[in-house]
Amino acid sequence: MQQILPIMHATDTESAELASYRLRDVAVNWYETWEQARGPLAPLVGWREFYEAFLQQYLPIELRRGKQDRFLRLEQGNVSVWEYNMQFNSLAKYAPLVVAETSDRVHQFVGGLGPHLINECTTSSLSLNMDITHIQAYEQSLEDQKSQQRAAREHDLA
């Protein structure tokens, strides 16, 4: 919703109304109860008020902070590049200030890589035109190469 509303040039109030129409199931019940609790003389709801109330109901600050902390501690560990990439992208939205700039996002991503990839990717990330998509693809190709080399060595030993 947040991505579509600016494109539609929706006003603050229209944004909240459009978002409320998109609610389903228990969220509709929550919204109706929330609106009633505001009282009949309450001013029209703006986007920020609606958004904050919705987040507080379905994604409380404690949970958001926990996800932000998890993002800040995220490391590749024993998972594949693909899995690390998916976790990184999923959690990055909880730390928007940490990854506000492309270079910050790349730095955070590279910092969590496994030791077998970090040196090569750190050097690559210094390039000014390196964005997150390119560094993720580069890391994936490095991991694939290392897997193929490992498989070839194991095959030669067998």
N, C-alpha and C. Protein backbone atom coordinates (compact mmCIF):
# COMPACT_ATOMS: atom_id res chain seq x y z
N MET A 1 0.83 -1.18 0.00
CA MET A 1 0.00 0.00 0.00
C MET A 1 0.87 1.25 0.00
N GLN A 2 1.89 1.25 0.84
CA GLN A 2 2.74 2.44 0.96
C GLN A 2 3.41 2.79 -0.36
N GLN A 3 3.64 1.83 -1.21
CA GLN A 3 4.29 2.10 -2.48
C GLN A 3 3.32 2.63 -3.51
N ILE A 4 2.07 2.22 -3.43
CA ILE A 4 1.07 2.60 -4.43
C ILE A 4 0.50 4.00 -4.16
N LEU A 5 0.30 4.34 -2.89
CA LEU A 5 -0.38 5.59 -2.55
C LEU A 5 0.31 6.84 -3.12
N PRO A 6 1.63 6.96 -3.05
CA PRO A 6 2.26 8.14 -3.66
C PRO A 6 2.08 8.19 -5.17
N ILE A 7 2.07 7.03 -5.80
CA ILE A 7 1.87 6.98 -7.26
C ILE A 7 0.47 7.47 -7.62
N MET A 8 -0.49 7.15 -6.74
CA MET A 8 -1.87 7.56 -6.98
C MET A 8 -2.10 9.03 -6.61
N HIS A 9 -1.12 9.66 -5.96
CA HIS A 9 -1.25 11.03 -5.48
C HIS A 9 -2.43 11.17 -4.52
N ALA A 10 -2.61 10.14 -3.70
CA ALA A 10 -3.70 10.14 -2.73
C ALA A 10 -3.37 11.10 -1.59
N THR A 11 -4.38 11.80 -1.13
CA THR A 11 -4.19 12.69 0.02
C THR A 11 -3.99 11.84 1.27
N ASP A 12 -3.64 12.48 2.35
CA ASP A 12 -3.43 11.80 3.62
C ASP A 12 -4.68 11.02 4.04
N THR A 13 -5.82 11.66 3.97
CA THR A 13 -7.09 11.03 4.35
C THR A 13 -7.47 9.93 3.36
N GLU A 14 -7.33 10.19 2.07
CA GLU A 14 -7.64 9.19 1.05
C GLU A 14 -6.77 7.94 1.23
N SER A 15 -5.52 8.16 1.58
CA SER A 15 -4.60 7.03 1.79
C SER A 15 -5.11 6.11 2.89
N ALA A 16 -5.55 6.69 4.00
CA ALA A 16 -6.08 5.89 5.10
C ALA A 16 -7.36 5.17 4.68
N GLU A 17 -8.23 5.86 3.96
CA GLU A 17 -9.48 5.24 3.51
C GLU A 17 -9.22 4.10 2.53
N LEU A 18 -8.33 4.32 1.58
CA LEU A 18 -8.01 3.26 0.62
C LEU A 18 -7.41 2.04 1.32
N ALA A 19 -6.54 2.29 2.26
CA ALA A 19 -5.93 1.17 3.00
C ALA A 19 -6.99 0.41 3.79
N SER A 20 -7.93 1.12 4.38
CA SER A 20 -8.96 0.45 5.17
C SER A 20 -9.84 -0.44 4.29
N TYR A 21 -10.06 -0.05 3.04
CA TYR A 21 -10.85 -0.88 2.12
C TYR A 21 -10.12 -2.16 1.74
N ARG A 22 -8.82 -2.16 1.86
CA ARG A 22 -8.03 -3.34 1.49
C ARG A 22 -7.94 -4.37 2.63
N LEU A 23 -8.40 -4.02 3.80
CA LEU A 23 -8.32 -4.94 4.94
C LEU A 23 -9.24 -6.14 4.72
N ARG A 24 -8.83 -7.27 5.28
CA ARG A 24 -9.60 -8.50 5.16
C ARG A 24 -9.72 -9.17 6.52
N ASP A 25 -10.70 -10.04 6.65
CA ASP A 25 -10.89 -10.92 7.80
C ASP A 25 -10.85 -10.16 9.13
N VAL A 26 -9.98 -10.60 10.05
CA VAL A 26 -9.96 -10.01 11.39
C VAL A 26 -9.51 -8.56 11.37
N ALA A 27 -8.76 -8.17 10.35
CA ALA A 27 -8.31 -6.78 10.26
C ALA A 27 -9.50 -5.84 10.06
N VAL A 28 -10.53 -6.29 9.37
CA VAL A 28 -11.73 -5.47 9.19
C VAL A 28 -12.40 -5.24 10.56
N ASN A 29 -12.50 -6.31 11.33
CA ASN A 29 -13.09 -6.19 12.67
C ASN A 29 -12.27 -5.24 13.54
N TRP A 30 -10.95 -5.38 13.48
CA TRP A 30 -10.08 -4.48 14.24
C TRP A 30 -10.33 -3.03 13.84
N TYR A 31 -10.38 -2.76 12.53
CA TYR A 31 -10.54 -1.40 12.04
C TYR A 31 -11.88 -0.80 12.49
N GLU A 32 -12.94 -1.57 12.37
CA GLU A 32 -14.26 -1.07 12.78
C GLU A 32 -14.27 -0.75 14.28
N THR A 33 -13.68 -1.61 15.08
CA THR A 33 -13.60 -1.37 16.53
C THR A 33 -12.74 -0.15 16.82
N TRP A 34 -11.64 -0.03 16.13
CA TRP A 34 -10.73 1.11 16.30
C TRP A 34 -11.43 2.42 15.94
N GLU A 35 -12.14 2.42 14.83
CA GLU A 35 -12.88 3.62 14.40
C GLU A 35 -13.94 4.01 15.42
N GLN A 36 -14.68 3.03 15.94
CA GLN A 36 -15.71 3.30 16.94
C GLN A 36 -15.09 3.86 18.21
N ALA A 37 -13.94 3.34 18.59
CA ALA A 37 -13.26 3.80 19.81
C ALA A 37 -12.79 5.24 19.68
N ARG A 38 -12.56 5.68 18.48
CA ARG A 38 -12.14 7.07 18.26
C ARG A 38 -13.28 8.05 18.54
N GLY A 39 -14.50 7.57 18.46
CA GLY A 39 -15.66 8.40 18.76
C GLY A 39 -16.24 9.07 17.53
N PRO A 40 -17.52 9.46 17.61
CA PRO A 40 -18.21 10.03 16.45
C PRO A 40 -17.71 11.42 16.05
N LEU A 41 -17.09 12.14 16.96
CA LEU A 41 -16.63 13.50 16.65
C LEU A 41 -15.14 13.56 16.30
N ALA A 42 -14.51 12.41 16.21
CA ALA A 42 -13.08 12.37 15.89
C ALA A 42 -12.86 12.89 14.48
N PRO A 43 -11.75 13.58 14.26
CA PRO A 43 -11.45 14.06 12.90
C PRO A 43 -11.18 12.88 11.97
N LEU A 44 -11.22 13.15 10.68
CA LEU A 44 -10.91 12.10 9.71
C LEU A 44 -9.52 11.53 9.97
N VAL A 45 -9.40 10.25 9.73
CA VAL A 45 -8.13 9.56 9.97
C VAL A 45 -7.15 9.88 8.85
N GLY A 46 -5.92 10.20 9.22
CA GLY A 46 -4.84 10.40 8.25
C GLY A 46 -4.01 9.14 8.13
N TRP A 47 -3.18 9.10 7.11
CA TRP A 47 -2.38 7.92 6.84
C TRP A 47 -1.49 7.54 8.02
N ARG A 48 -0.75 8.49 8.56
CA ARG A 48 0.20 8.19 9.64
C ARG A 48 -0.51 7.60 10.85
N GLU A 49 -1.65 8.17 11.23
CA GLU A 49 -2.40 7.67 12.38
C GLU A 49 -2.89 6.23 12.12
N PHE A 50 -3.44 6.01 10.93
CA PHE A 50 -3.91 4.67 10.56
C PHE A 50 -2.75 3.67 10.56
N TYR A 51 -1.67 4.05 9.93
CA TYR A 51 -0.51 3.18 9.79
C TYR A 51 0.07 2.81 11.16
N GLU A 52 0.23 3.78 12.03
CA GLU A 52 0.77 3.52 13.37
C GLU A 52 -0.16 2.61 14.19
N ALA A 53 -1.46 2.87 14.11
CA ALA A 53 -2.42 2.03 14.84
C ALA A 53 -2.41 0.60 14.31
N PHE A 54 -2.34 0.46 13.00
CA PHE A 54 -2.29 -0.87 12.39
C PHE A 54 -1.03 -1.62 12.81
N LEU A 55 0.11 -0.93 12.72
CA LEU A 55 1.36 -1.56 13.13
C LEU A 55 1.33 -1.96 14.60
N GLN A 56 0.82 -1.09 15.44
CA GLN A 56 0.76 -1.41 16.87
C GLN A 56 -0.10 -2.64 17.13
N GLN A 57 -1.15 -2.79 16.35
CA GLN A 57 -2.03 -3.94 16.51
C GLN A 57 -1.40 -5.24 16.00
N TYR A 58 -0.80 -5.18 14.81
CA TYR A 58 -0.36 -6.41 14.15
C TYR A 58 1.15 -6.62 14.13
N LEU A 59 1.90 -5.59 14.43
CA LEU A 59 3.35 -5.71 14.46
C LEU A 59 3.89 -4.74 15.52
N PRO A 60 3.69 -5.07 16.79
CA PRO A 60 4.06 -4.16 17.88
C PRO A 60 5.54 -3.78 17.83
N ILE A 61 5.86 -2.65 18.43
CA ILE A 61 7.21 -2.10 18.41
C ILE A 61 8.23 -3.11 18.94
N GLU A 62 7.85 -3.88 19.94
CA GLU A 62 8.78 -4.87 20.50
C GLU A 62 9.17 -5.90 19.44
N LEU A 63 8.21 -6.33 18.65
CA LEU A 63 8.47 -7.29 17.59
C LEU A 63 9.32 -6.65 16.49
N ARG A 64 9.00 -5.41 16.13
CA ARG A 64 9.79 -4.71 15.10
C ARG A 64 11.23 -4.51 15.55
N ARG A 65 11.41 -4.15 16.82
CA ARG A 65 12.78 -3.97 17.34
C ARG A 65 13.52 -5.30 17.37
N GLY A 66 12.82 -6.37 17.70
CA GLY A 66 13.44 -7.69 17.68
C GLY A 66 13.92 -8.06 16.28
N LYS A 67 13.10 -7.76 15.29
CA LYS A 67 13.47 -8.06 13.90
C LYS A 67 14.63 -7.16 13.45
N GLN A 68 14.63 -5.92 13.91
CA GLN A 68 15.74 -5.02 13.59
C GLN A 68 17.04 -5.56 14.21
N ASP A 69 16.97 -5.98 15.46
CA ASP A 69 18.15 -6.55 16.12
C ASP A 69 18.63 -7.80 15.38
N ARG A 70 17.69 -8.62 14.97
CA ARG A 70 18.04 -9.84 14.22
C ARG A 70 18.74 -9.47 12.91
N PHE A 71 18.25 -8.42 12.25
CA PHE A 71 18.88 -7.95 11.01
C PHE A 71 20.31 -7.49 11.28
N LEU A 72 20.49 -6.72 12.34
CA LEU A 72 21.81 -6.19 12.64
C LEU A 72 22.82 -7.29 12.99
N ARG A 73 22.34 -8.41 13.49
CA ARG A 73 23.21 -9.54 13.84
C ARG A 73 23.26 -10.62 12.75
N LEU A 74 22.55 -10.41 11.66
CA LEU A 74 22.43 -11.43 10.62
C LEU A 74 23.79 -11.77 10.01
N GLU A 75 24.08 -13.06 9.97
CA GLU A 75 25.28 -13.57 9.32
C GLU A 75 24.89 -14.76 8.46
N GLN A 76 25.67 -15.00 7.43
CA GLN A 76 25.37 -16.09 6.52
C GLN A 76 25.45 -17.43 7.22
N GLY A 77 26.46 -17.63 8.03
CA GLY A 77 26.59 -18.89 8.74
C GLY A 77 26.63 -20.08 7.80
N ASN A 78 25.85 -21.10 8.08
CA ASN A 78 25.85 -22.33 7.29
C ASN A 78 24.80 -22.34 6.18
N VAL A 79 24.09 -21.24 5.98
CA VAL A 79 23.06 -21.22 4.94
C VAL A 79 23.68 -20.81 3.60
N SER A 80 22.99 -21.10 2.54
CA SER A 80 23.46 -20.74 1.20
C SER A 80 23.35 -19.23 1.01
N VAL A 81 24.01 -18.76 -0.02
CA VAL A 81 23.92 -17.34 -0.37
C VAL A 81 22.47 -16.96 -0.61
N TRP A 82 21.74 -17.82 -1.29
CA TRP A 82 20.34 -17.54 -1.61
C TRP A 82 19.52 -17.36 -0.33
N GLU A 83 19.71 -18.26 0.63
CA GLU A 83 18.96 -18.18 1.89
C GLU A 83 19.36 -16.93 2.68
N TYR A 84 20.66 -16.63 2.71
CA TYR A 84 21.13 -15.42 3.39
C TYR A 84 20.54 -14.18 2.73
N ASN A 85 20.54 -14.16 1.42
CA ASN A 85 19.97 -13.06 0.65
C ASN A 85 18.49 -12.86 0.99
N MET A 86 17.74 -13.95 1.05
CA MET A 86 16.31 -13.87 1.34
C MET A 86 16.08 -13.35 2.76
N GLN A 87 16.85 -13.84 3.73
CA GLN A 87 16.73 -13.35 5.10
C GLN A 87 17.09 -11.88 5.18
N PHE A 88 18.17 -11.49 4.52
CA PHE A 88 18.62 -10.11 4.51
C PHE A 88 17.52 -9.18 3.99
N ASN A 89 16.98 -9.51 2.83
CA ASN A 89 15.95 -8.67 2.23
C ASN A 89 14.68 -8.63 3.06
N SER A 90 14.34 -9.75 3.68
CA SER A 90 13.14 -9.81 4.51
C SER A 90 13.27 -8.95 5.76
N LEU A 91 14.45 -8.94 6.36
CA LEU A 91 14.65 -8.21 7.61
C LEU A 91 15.07 -6.75 7.41
N ALA A 92 15.60 -6.40 6.25
CA ALA A 92 16.11 -5.04 6.01
C ALA A 92 15.04 -3.97 6.20
N LYS A 93 13.79 -4.30 5.94
CA LYS A 93 12.72 -3.30 6.07
C LYS A 93 12.51 -2.86 7.52
N TYR A 94 13.03 -3.64 8.47
CA TYR A 94 12.89 -3.27 9.88
C TYR A 94 14.02 -2.36 10.36
N ALA A 95 14.98 -2.10 9.49
CA ALA A 95 16.10 -1.21 9.83
C ALA A 95 16.33 -0.22 8.69
N PRO A 96 15.31 0.57 8.34
CA PRO A 96 15.43 1.43 7.16
C PRO A 96 16.54 2.47 7.27
N LEU A 97 16.83 2.94 8.46
CA LEU A 97 17.89 3.95 8.60
C LEU A 97 19.27 3.34 8.43
N VAL A 98 19.41 2.07 8.76
CA VAL A 98 20.70 1.38 8.64
C VAL A 98 21.05 1.17 7.17
N VAL A 99 20.05 0.96 6.34
CA VAL A 99 20.28 0.66 4.92
C VAL A 99 19.65 1.73 4.02
N ALA A 100 19.66 2.96 4.49
CA ALA A 100 19.02 4.05 3.74
C ALA A 100 19.70 4.30 2.40
N GLU A 101 21.01 4.22 2.38
CA GLU A 101 21.78 4.44 1.16
C GLU A 101 22.21 3.10 0.58
N THR A 102 22.35 3.03 -0.72
CA THR A 102 22.77 1.79 -1.37
C THR A 102 24.09 1.30 -0.81
N SER A 103 25.03 2.21 -0.60
CA SER A 103 26.34 1.80 -0.08
C SER A 103 26.21 1.22 1.32
N ASP A 104 25.29 1.75 2.13
CA ASP A 104 25.05 1.21 3.48
C ASP A 104 24.48 -0.20 3.39
N ARG A 105 23.57 -0.39 2.46
CA ARG A 105 22.94 -1.70 2.28
C ARG A 105 23.97 -2.74 1.85
N VAL A 106 24.83 -2.37 0.90
CA VAL A 106 25.88 -3.27 0.44
C VAL A 106 26.83 -3.58 1.59
N HIS A 107 27.23 -2.56 2.34
CA HIS A 107 28.15 -2.74 3.47
C HIS A 107 27.56 -3.72 4.50
N GLN A 108 26.31 -3.55 4.83
CA GLN A 108 25.65 -4.43 5.81
C GLN A 108 25.58 -5.86 5.28
N PHE A 109 25.25 -6.00 4.00
CA PHE A 109 25.15 -7.32 3.39
C PHE A 109 26.49 -8.04 3.39
N VAL A 110 27.52 -7.36 2.93
CA VAL A 110 28.86 -7.95 2.85
C VAL A 110 29.38 -8.28 4.25
N GLY A 111 29.08 -7.44 5.23
CA GLY A 111 29.55 -7.67 6.59
C GLY A 111 29.03 -8.96 7.20
N GLY A 112 27.92 -9.48 6.70
CA GLY A 112 27.35 -10.71 7.25
C GLY A 112 27.74 -11.97 6.49
N LEU A 113 28.55 -11.81 5.45
CA LEU A 113 28.94 -12.97 4.65
C LEU A 113 29.81 -13.94 5.42
N GLY A 114 29.83 -15.16 4.93
CA GLY A 114 30.72 -16.16 5.51
C GLY A 114 32.16 -15.81 5.21
N PRO A 115 33.09 -16.31 6.03
CA PRO A 115 34.51 -15.97 5.85
C PRO A 115 35.07 -16.41 4.49
N HIS A 116 34.47 -17.41 3.87
CA HIS A 116 34.95 -17.88 2.58
C HIS A 116 34.61 -16.92 1.43
N LEU A 117 33.75 -15.94 1.69
CA LEU A 117 33.34 -14.99 0.64
C LEU A 117 33.65 -13.53 0.98
N ILE A 118 33.84 -13.23 2.23
CA ILE A 118 33.87 -11.84 2.66
C ILE A 118 35.01 -11.04 2.04
N ASN A 119 36.20 -11.62 1.93
CA ASN A 119 37.33 -10.85 1.39
C ASN A 119 37.09 -10.41 -0.05
N GLU A 120 36.67 -11.35 -0.88
CA GLU A 120 36.44 -11.02 -2.29
C GLU A 120 35.28 -10.04 -2.46
N CYS A 121 34.23 -10.22 -1.68
CA CYS A 121 33.06 -9.34 -1.81
C CYS A 121 33.33 -7.97 -1.21
N THR A 122 34.14 -7.90 -0.17
CA THR A 122 34.46 -6.59 0.41
C THR A 122 35.17 -5.74 -0.61
N THR A 123 36.13 -6.30 -1.31
CA THR A 123 36.84 -5.57 -2.35
C THR A 123 35.88 -5.12 -3.44
N SER A 124 35.01 -6.00 -3.88
CA SER A 124 34.04 -5.65 -4.93
C SER A 124 33.08 -4.57 -4.47
N SER A 125 32.71 -4.59 -3.20
CA SER A 125 31.72 -3.63 -2.71
C SER A 125 32.26 -2.21 -2.67
N LEU A 126 33.57 -2.05 -2.77
CA LEU A 126 34.16 -0.71 -2.75
C LEU A 126 33.91 0.06 -4.04
N SER A 127 33.54 -0.64 -5.09
CA SER A 127 33.22 0.01 -6.35
C SER A 127 32.01 0.92 -6.15
N LEU A 128 32.12 2.14 -6.64
CA LEU A 128 31.05 3.13 -6.42
C LEU A 128 29.73 2.75 -7.09
N ASN A 129 29.80 1.99 -8.18
CA ASN A 129 28.56 1.64 -8.87
C ASN A 129 28.03 0.27 -8.45
N MET A 130 28.56 -0.28 -7.39
CA MET A 130 28.11 -1.60 -6.91
C MET A 130 26.83 -1.41 -6.09
N ASP A 131 25.76 -2.02 -6.54
CA ASP A 131 24.52 -1.95 -5.77
C ASP A 131 24.25 -3.33 -5.16
N ILE A 132 23.20 -3.40 -4.39
CA ILE A 132 22.92 -4.62 -3.63
C ILE A 132 22.63 -5.80 -4.54
N THR A 133 21.94 -5.58 -5.63
CA THR A 133 21.61 -6.67 -6.56
C THR A 133 22.87 -7.27 -7.16
N HIS A 134 23.80 -6.40 -7.56
CA HIS A 134 25.03 -6.88 -8.17
C HIS A 134 25.91 -7.62 -7.16
N ILE A 135 26.00 -7.12 -5.94
CA ILE A 135 26.84 -7.80 -4.95
C ILE A 135 26.23 -9.15 -4.57
N GLN A 136 24.90 -9.22 -4.52
CA GLN A 136 24.26 -10.49 -4.21
C GLN A 136 24.50 -11.51 -5.33
N ALA A 137 24.41 -11.06 -6.56
CA ALA A 137 24.65 -11.96 -7.69
C ALA A 137 26.12 -12.38 -7.72
N TYR A 138 27.01 -11.44 -7.44
CA TYR A 138 28.44 -11.75 -7.41
C TYR A 138 28.74 -12.78 -6.33
N GLU A 139 28.17 -12.60 -5.17
CA GLU A 139 28.38 -13.54 -4.07
C GLU A 139 27.85 -14.92 -4.43
N GLN A 140 26.71 -14.97 -5.07
CA GLN A 140 26.13 -16.25 -5.48
C GLN A 140 27.06 -16.96 -6.46
N SER A 141 27.61 -16.22 -7.41
CA SER A 141 28.52 -16.85 -8.39
C SER A 141 29.80 -17.34 -7.71
N LEU A 142 30.32 -16.59 -6.73
CA LEU A 142 31.49 -17.05 -5.99
C LEU A 142 31.20 -18.33 -5.23
N GLU A 143 30.05 -18.37 -4.58
CA GLU A 143 29.69 -19.58 -3.84
C GLU A 143 29.52 -20.76 -4.78
N ASP A 144 28.91 -20.54 -5.93
CA ASP A 144 28.74 -21.62 -6.91
C ASP A 144 30.09 -22.14 -7.39
N GLN A 145 31.03 -21.21 -7.66
CA GLN A 145 32.37 -21.60 -8.09
C GLN A 145 33.06 -22.44 -7.02
N LYS A 146 32.98 -21.99 -5.79
CA LYS A 146 33.63 -22.72 -4.69
C LYS A 146 33.00 -24.10 -4.51
N SER A 147 31.70 -24.21 -4.68
CA SER A 147 31.03 -25.51 -4.58
C SER A 147 31.49 -26.44 -5.69
N GLN A 148 31.62 -25.90 -6.90
CA GLN A 148 32.07 -26.71 -8.03
C GLN A 148 33.51 -27.17 -7.83
N GLN A 149 34.35 -26.27 -7.32
CA GLN A 149 35.75 -26.64 -7.05
C GLN A 149 35.84 -27.72 -5.98
N ARG A 150 35.04 -27.59 -4.94
CA ARG A 150 35.00 -28.58 -3.86
C ARG A 150 34.54 -29.93 -4.40
N ALA A 151 33.49 -29.92 -5.23
CA ALA A 151 32.97 -31.16 -5.81
C ALA A 151 34.03 -31.81 -6.71
N ALA A 152 34.75 -31.00 -7.48
CA ALA A 152 35.79 -31.54 -8.37
C ALA A 152 36.92 -32.16 -7.55
N ARG A 153 37.33 -31.53 -6.45
CA ARG A 153 38.38 -32.08 -5.59
C ARG A 153 37.92 -33.40 -4.97
N GLU A 154 36.69 -33.43 -4.51
CA GLU A 154 36.15 -34.66 -3.92
C GLU A 154 36.08 -35.78 -4.95
N HIS A 155 35.73 -35.40 -6.18
CA HIS A 155 35.66 -36.39 -7.27
C HIS A 155 37.05 -36.93 -7.59
N ASP A 156 38.06 -36.05 -7.60
CA ASP A 156 39.42 -36.46 -7.89
C ASP A 156 39.96 -37.37 -6.81
N LEU A 157 39.56 -37.13 -5.56
CA LEU A 157 40.04 -37.95 -4.45
C LEU A 157 39.38 -39.33 -4.43
N ALA A 158 38.21 -39.42 -5.03
CA ALA A 158 37.45 -40.69 -4.99
C ALA A 158 38.00 -41.72 -5.95
